[in-house]
Amino acid sequence: VDRTPGLDEVLSVAAAWRENPASVAASELRRRLHGQIETYLGSQAVLLVDHPGIRVEELLGRTSEILDALLGPNAAQAVNDDVLGQLDWPRPVEETYP
């Protein structure tokens, strides 16, 4: 797993998580996503989206929702396309965009 900071490290761990979702990479990805949410959206956003035992898929979905609420639908869509889309996670139907 790549130890570089920021989005690159999240994407690196996400690749390992996609290969084996039940591996330690899931907790590492959750930890790194938590850090990115706190860095870019603040600690209050972390309180809204994260809780003990949350699955990575749920954390990604909640992150998508908070982006929509904070940035508006157009900017959130851009972030989803440019960043979260790189994570290649299966979104539930209600979280997909037309």
Protein backbone atom coordinates (compact mmCIF):
# COMPACT_ATOMS: atom_id res chain seq x y z
CA VAL A 1 0.00 0.00 0.00
CA ASP A 2 1.34 3.40 -1.01
CA ARG A 3 1.97 5.71 1.98
CA THR A 4 1.88 9.03 0.07
CA PRO A 5 -0.40 11.72 1.52
CA GLY A 6 -3.74 12.95 0.28
CA LEU A 7 -5.96 11.66 -2.46
CA ASP A 8 -3.24 9.46 -3.96
CA GLU A 9 -3.05 7.44 -0.75
CA VAL A 10 -6.82 7.07 -0.65
CA LEU A 11 -6.87 5.84 -4.25
CA SER A 12 -3.99 3.44 -3.56
CA VAL A 13 -5.75 1.89 -0.57
CA ALA A 14 -9.04 1.85 -2.50
CA ALA A 15 -7.39 -0.29 -5.18
CA ALA A 16 -6.32 -2.79 -2.50
CA TRP A 17 -9.81 -2.69 -0.97
CA ARG A 18 -11.46 -3.41 -4.35
CA GLU A 19 -9.23 -6.47 -4.72
CA ASN A 20 -10.23 -7.80 -1.31
CA PRO A 21 -13.06 -5.90 0.45
CA ALA A 22 -12.74 -8.05 3.59
CA SER A 23 -9.05 -7.26 4.04
CA VAL A 24 -7.32 -4.83 6.38
CA ALA A 25 -7.49 -2.38 3.47
CA ALA A 26 -11.15 -1.70 4.38
CA SER A 27 -10.24 -0.27 7.78
CA GLU A 28 -7.28 1.58 6.29
CA LEU A 29 -9.47 3.08 3.55
CA ARG A 30 -12.07 4.09 6.13
CA ARG A 31 -9.34 5.77 8.21
CA ARG A 32 -7.92 7.63 5.21
CA LEU A 33 -11.37 8.72 4.00
CA HIS A 34 -12.07 9.98 7.51
CA GLY A 35 -8.87 12.06 7.32
CA GLN A 36 -9.76 13.50 3.93
CA ILE A 37 -13.29 14.40 5.04
CA GLU A 38 -11.91 16.14 8.12
CA THR A 39 -9.24 17.97 6.12
CA TYR A 40 -11.52 19.26 3.38
CA LEU A 41 -14.94 19.46 5.02
CA GLY A 42 -14.10 19.86 8.72
CA SER A 43 -14.54 17.85 11.87
CA GLN A 44 -18.28 18.59 11.99
CA ALA A 45 -18.70 16.85 8.62
CA VAL A 46 -16.94 13.80 10.03
CA LEU A 47 -19.47 13.69 12.85
CA LEU A 48 -22.27 13.66 10.26
CA VAL A 49 -20.92 10.90 8.06
CA ASP A 50 -18.81 8.61 10.21
CA HIS A 51 -19.63 6.30 13.10
CA PRO A 52 -17.94 3.25 14.63
CA GLY A 53 -18.37 0.15 12.52
CA ILE A 54 -19.50 1.97 9.36
CA ARG A 55 -18.79 0.03 6.17
CA VAL A 56 -16.62 1.70 3.53
CA GLU A 57 -19.49 1.70 1.02
CA GLU A 58 -21.75 3.47 3.50
CA LEU A 59 -19.06 6.03 4.34
CA LEU A 60 -18.60 6.76 0.65
CA GLY A 61 -22.35 7.17 0.22
CA ARG A 62 -22.62 9.50 3.19
CA THR A 63 -19.65 11.49 1.91
CA SER A 64 -21.41 11.88 -1.41
CA GLU A 65 -24.53 13.11 0.38
CA ILE A 66 -22.64 15.66 2.51
CA LEU A 67 -20.88 16.96 -0.59
CA ASP A 68 -24.25 17.50 -2.22
CA ALA A 69 -25.55 19.35 0.85
CA LEU A 70 -22.47 21.53 1.28
CA LEU A 71 -21.49 22.20 -2.32
CA GLY A 72 -24.78 21.94 -4.17
CA PRO A 73 -25.68 19.31 -6.75
CA ASN A 74 -23.50 20.54 -9.64
CA ALA A 75 -20.28 20.87 -7.64
CA ALA A 76 -20.99 17.63 -5.79
CA GLN A 77 -21.48 15.86 -9.12
CA ALA A 78 -18.11 17.16 -10.30
CA VAL A 79 -16.40 15.86 -7.15
CA ASN A 80 -18.19 12.53 -7.47
CA ASP A 81 -17.13 12.23 -11.11
CA ASP A 82 -13.54 13.41 -10.64
CA VAL A 83 -12.66 11.93 -7.25
CA LEU A 84 -15.13 9.45 -5.83
CA GLY A 85 -15.65 7.98 -9.30
CA GLN A 86 -11.98 6.95 -9.27
CA LEU A 87 -12.70 4.78 -6.26
CA ASP A 88 -14.98 2.62 -8.40
CA TRP A 89 -17.41 1.77 -5.61
CA PRO A 90 -20.85 0.34 -6.27
CA ARG A 91 -23.33 3.09 -5.32
CA PRO A 92 -26.81 2.12 -4.21
CA VAL A 93 -29.48 3.08 -6.75
CA GLU A 94 -30.66 6.12 -4.76
CA GLU A 95 -27.11 7.53 -4.84
CA THR A 96 -26.58 7.31 -8.57
CA TYR A 97 -27.05 10.36 -10.72
CA PRO A 98 -29.11 10.42 -13.92
